[in-house]
């Protein structure tokens, strides 16, 4: 399986596209009907898809912030969502 067989290059895929393809790969491998050489190729693509999804999730988490309010309940800034209070 090469890039033309699998569609887009992994780094150009949205999170949703990558997850959908990863789910298809898992299903094919679980069925056990894929020849060994193809199994290795799709496993490698699956690993790349997993890594890409993790990267996209980390980027999304870095962008999520919590609004900080002052004593009067007015917004005064933002901080990372998981920052200690």
N, C-alpha and C. Protein backbone atom coordinates (compact mmCIF):
# COMPACT_ATOMS: atom_id res chain seq x y z
N UNK A 1 0.85 -1.17 0.00
CA UNK A 1 0.00 0.00 0.00
C UNK A 1 0.90 1.23 0.00
N UNK A 2 0.78 2.07 -1.00
CA UNK A 2 1.55 3.30 -1.03
C UNK A 2 0.61 4.48 -0.89
N UNK A 3 1.15 5.71 -1.01
CA UNK A 3 0.32 6.89 -0.79
C UNK A 3 -0.85 6.97 -1.76
N UNK A 4 -0.66 6.53 -3.00
CA UNK A 4 -1.76 6.61 -3.95
C UNK A 4 -2.83 5.57 -3.61
N UNK A 5 -2.43 4.43 -3.08
CA UNK A 5 -3.41 3.42 -2.66
C UNK A 5 -4.20 3.91 -1.45
N UNK A 6 -3.53 4.58 -0.53
CA UNK A 6 -4.15 4.96 0.72
C UNK A 6 -4.79 6.34 0.66
N UNK A 7 -4.60 7.07 -0.42
CA UNK A 7 -5.17 8.41 -0.49
C UNK A 7 -4.12 9.45 -0.19
N UNK A 8 -4.53 10.44 0.59
CA UNK A 8 -3.66 11.57 0.93
C UNK A 8 -2.42 11.14 1.71
N UNK A 9 -1.35 11.92 1.56
CA UNK A 9 -0.23 11.73 2.49
C UNK A 9 -0.70 12.02 3.91
N UNK A 10 -0.20 11.29 4.86
CA UNK A 10 -0.66 11.38 6.24
C UNK A 10 -0.59 12.81 6.77
N UNK A 11 0.51 13.51 6.51
CA UNK A 11 0.69 14.85 7.07
C UNK A 11 -0.31 15.87 6.52
N UNK A 12 -1.03 15.54 5.47
CA UNK A 12 -2.03 16.44 4.91
C UNK A 12 -3.45 16.10 5.37
N UNK A 13 -3.60 15.08 6.17
CA UNK A 13 -4.92 14.63 6.59
C UNK A 13 -5.41 15.39 7.81
N UNK A 14 -6.74 15.59 7.87
CA UNK A 14 -7.34 16.13 9.08
C UNK A 14 -7.36 15.02 10.13
N UNK A 15 -7.63 15.41 11.36
CA UNK A 15 -7.72 14.42 12.44
C UNK A 15 -8.79 13.38 12.11
N UNK A 16 -9.95 13.86 11.64
CA UNK A 16 -11.07 12.96 11.35
C UNK A 16 -10.74 11.99 10.22
N UNK A 17 -10.06 12.48 9.19
CA UNK A 17 -9.66 11.60 8.09
C UNK A 17 -8.69 10.53 8.57
N UNK A 18 -7.72 10.96 9.36
CA UNK A 18 -6.69 10.04 9.85
C UNK A 18 -7.30 8.97 10.76
N UNK A 19 -8.20 9.37 11.65
CA UNK A 19 -8.85 8.40 12.54
C UNK A 19 -9.67 7.40 11.74
N UNK A 20 -10.41 7.90 10.75
CA UNK A 20 -11.25 7.01 9.93
C UNK A 20 -10.39 5.97 9.21
N UNK A 21 -9.28 6.42 8.63
CA UNK A 21 -8.41 5.46 7.94
C UNK A 21 -7.77 4.50 8.93
N UNK A 22 -7.37 5.00 10.08
CA UNK A 22 -6.76 4.14 11.10
C UNK A 22 -7.74 3.05 11.54
N UNK A 23 -9.01 3.41 11.70
CA UNK A 23 -10.03 2.42 12.06
C UNK A 23 -10.17 1.36 10.97
N UNK A 24 -10.11 1.76 9.71
CA UNK A 24 -10.19 0.80 8.60
C UNK A 24 -9.00 -0.15 8.62
N UNK A 25 -7.83 0.41 8.90
CA UNK A 25 -6.62 -0.42 8.95
C UNK A 25 -6.74 -1.45 10.07
N UNK A 26 -7.18 -1.01 11.24
CA UNK A 26 -7.33 -1.94 12.37
C UNK A 26 -8.31 -3.06 12.02
N UNK A 27 -9.43 -2.70 11.40
CA UNK A 27 -10.41 -3.72 11.01
C UNK A 27 -9.80 -4.72 10.05
N UNK A 28 -9.06 -4.25 9.05
CA UNK A 28 -8.46 -5.15 8.07
C UNK A 28 -7.45 -6.08 8.74
N UNK A 29 -6.64 -5.53 9.63
CA UNK A 29 -5.64 -6.37 10.31
C UNK A 29 -6.30 -7.37 11.24
N UNK A 30 -7.37 -6.96 11.92
CA UNK A 30 -8.06 -7.88 12.83
C UNK A 30 -8.73 -9.02 12.08
N UNK A 31 -9.16 -8.79 10.86
CA UNK A 31 -9.80 -9.84 10.07
C UNK A 31 -8.81 -10.92 9.66
N UNK A 32 -7.53 -10.58 9.60
CA UNK A 32 -6.50 -11.56 9.29
C UNK A 32 -6.50 -12.06 7.86
N UNK A 33 -7.13 -11.36 6.95
CA UNK A 33 -7.23 -11.80 5.56
C UNK A 33 -6.27 -11.04 4.64
N UNK A 34 -5.34 -10.28 5.21
CA UNK A 34 -4.43 -9.46 4.42
C UNK A 34 -3.10 -10.21 4.29
N UNK A 35 -2.55 -10.29 3.08
CA UNK A 35 -1.24 -10.94 2.91
C UNK A 35 -0.17 -10.25 3.76
N UNK A 36 0.85 -11.00 4.14
CA UNK A 36 1.87 -10.51 5.06
C UNK A 36 2.50 -9.20 4.60
N UNK A 37 2.93 -9.11 3.36
CA UNK A 37 3.59 -7.90 2.88
C UNK A 37 2.66 -6.69 2.99
N UNK A 38 1.40 -6.88 2.63
CA UNK A 38 0.44 -5.78 2.73
C UNK A 38 0.16 -5.46 4.19
N UNK A 39 0.11 -6.47 5.04
CA UNK A 39 -0.10 -6.24 6.47
C UNK A 39 0.98 -5.34 7.05
N UNK A 40 2.21 -5.60 6.67
CA UNK A 40 3.33 -4.78 7.15
C UNK A 40 3.18 -3.35 6.67
N UNK A 41 2.83 -3.17 5.39
CA UNK A 41 2.68 -1.82 4.83
C UNK A 41 1.55 -1.05 5.50
N UNK A 42 0.41 -1.71 5.70
CA UNK A 42 -0.70 -0.97 6.30
C UNK A 42 -0.46 -0.76 7.80
N UNK A 43 0.28 -1.67 8.44
CA UNK A 43 0.64 -1.45 9.84
C UNK A 43 1.52 -0.21 9.97
N UNK A 44 2.49 -0.07 9.05
CA UNK A 44 3.37 1.10 9.06
C UNK A 44 2.58 2.38 8.82
N UNK A 45 1.62 2.34 7.89
CA UNK A 45 0.78 3.51 7.65
C UNK A 45 -0.06 3.80 8.90
N UNK A 46 -0.56 2.76 9.53
CA UNK A 46 -1.33 2.95 10.76
C UNK A 46 -0.51 3.61 11.85
N UNK A 47 0.75 3.23 11.97
CA UNK A 47 1.62 3.84 12.97
C UNK A 47 1.83 5.32 12.65
N UNK A 48 1.99 5.64 11.37
CA UNK A 48 2.14 7.05 10.97
C UNK A 48 0.85 7.83 11.23
N UNK A 49 -0.29 7.21 10.98
CA UNK A 49 -1.57 7.86 11.24
C UNK A 49 -1.74 8.12 12.74
N UNK A 50 -1.39 7.15 13.56
CA UNK A 50 -1.49 7.30 15.02
C UNK A 50 -0.62 8.46 15.50
N UNK A 51 0.61 8.51 15.01
CA UNK A 51 1.53 9.58 15.39
C UNK A 51 0.98 10.94 14.96
N UNK A 52 0.41 11.01 13.76
CA UNK A 52 -0.17 12.26 13.24
C UNK A 52 -1.35 12.69 14.12
N UNK A 53 -2.21 11.76 14.49
CA UNK A 53 -3.36 12.09 15.34
C UNK A 53 -2.89 12.60 16.70
N UNK A 54 -1.88 11.97 17.27
CA UNK A 54 -1.35 12.42 18.55
C UNK A 54 -0.81 13.84 18.44
N UNK A 55 -0.12 14.14 17.35
CA UNK A 55 0.43 15.47 17.12
C UNK A 55 -0.70 16.50 17.02
N UNK A 56 -1.75 16.18 16.27
CA UNK A 56 -2.87 17.10 16.12
C UNK A 56 -3.58 17.32 17.46
N UNK A 57 -3.71 16.28 18.25
CA UNK A 57 -4.34 16.42 19.57
C UNK A 57 -3.50 17.30 20.49
N UNK A 58 -2.19 17.14 20.45
CA UNK A 58 -1.31 17.97 21.28
C UNK A 58 -1.41 19.43 20.86
N UNK A 59 -1.49 19.68 19.56
CA UNK A 59 -1.64 21.05 19.07
C UNK A 59 -2.96 21.65 19.54
N UNK A 60 -4.02 20.86 19.49
CA UNK A 60 -5.33 21.34 19.93
C UNK A 60 -5.32 21.63 21.43
N UNK A 61 -4.73 20.75 22.21
CA UNK A 61 -4.65 20.95 23.65
C UNK A 61 -3.88 22.22 23.99
N UNK A 62 -2.83 22.50 23.23
CA UNK A 62 -2.02 23.69 23.49
C UNK A 62 -2.81 24.97 23.21
N UNK A 63 -3.82 24.88 22.36
CA UNK A 63 -4.61 26.06 22.01
C UNK A 63 -5.78 26.29 22.95
N UNK A 64 -6.14 25.30 23.73
CA UNK A 64 -7.28 25.44 24.64
C UNK A 64 -6.82 26.19 25.89
N UNK A 65 -7.51 27.25 26.20
CA UNK A 65 -7.17 28.05 27.37
C UNK A 65 -8.40 28.28 28.24
N UNK A 66 -8.14 28.56 29.48
CA UNK A 66 -9.19 28.87 30.43
C UNK A 66 -9.20 30.38 30.63
N UNK A 67 -10.37 30.98 30.59
CA UNK A 67 -10.49 32.41 30.82
C UNK A 67 -10.36 32.67 32.31
N UNK A 68 -9.52 33.64 32.66
CA UNK A 68 -9.30 34.00 34.06
C UNK A 68 -10.17 35.21 34.37
N UNK A 69 -10.93 35.13 35.47
CA UNK A 69 -11.81 36.21 35.89
C UNK A 69 -11.26 36.88 37.14
N UNK A 70 -11.50 38.19 37.25
CA UNK A 70 -11.10 38.89 38.47
C UNK A 70 -12.20 38.72 39.53
N UNK A 71 -12.04 39.38 40.66
CA UNK A 71 -13.01 39.23 41.76
C UNK A 71 -14.41 39.70 41.39
N UNK A 72 -14.51 40.60 40.42
CA UNK A 72 -15.81 41.10 39.98
C UNK A 72 -16.41 40.22 38.88
N UNK A 73 -15.71 39.15 38.51
CA UNK A 73 -16.22 38.24 37.49
C UNK A 73 -15.96 38.70 36.07
N UNK A 74 -15.04 39.67 35.92
CA UNK A 74 -14.71 40.18 34.59
C UNK A 74 -13.49 39.44 34.06
N UNK A 75 -13.47 39.13 32.76
CA UNK A 75 -12.30 38.45 32.19
C UNK A 75 -11.07 39.36 32.22
N UNK A 76 -9.95 38.79 32.67
CA UNK A 76 -8.71 39.57 32.75
C UNK A 76 -7.55 38.90 32.01
N UNK A 77 -7.80 37.75 31.45
CA UNK A 77 -6.73 37.07 30.73
C UNK A 77 -7.08 35.62 30.53
N UNK A 78 -6.07 34.85 30.19
CA UNK A 78 -6.25 33.42 29.95
C UNK A 78 -5.02 32.68 30.43
N UNK A 79 -5.21 31.40 30.73
CA UNK A 79 -4.11 30.53 31.13
C UNK A 79 -4.39 29.15 30.57
N UNK A 80 -3.37 28.31 30.51
CA UNK A 80 -3.63 26.94 30.01
C UNK A 80 -4.73 26.27 30.80
N UNK A 81 -5.53 25.47 30.12
CA UNK A 81 -6.67 24.84 30.74
C UNK A 81 -6.30 23.98 31.94
N UNK A 82 -5.15 23.32 31.87
CA UNK A 82 -4.77 22.42 32.97
C UNK A 82 -3.84 23.07 33.98
N UNK A 83 -3.76 24.41 33.99
CA UNK A 83 -2.91 25.09 34.96
C UNK A 83 -3.50 24.96 36.35
N UNK A 84 -2.66 24.80 37.38
CA UNK A 84 -3.16 24.70 38.74
C UNK A 84 -3.83 26.00 39.15
N UNK A 85 -4.85 25.88 39.98
CA UNK A 85 -5.59 27.08 40.43
C UNK A 85 -5.05 27.57 41.73
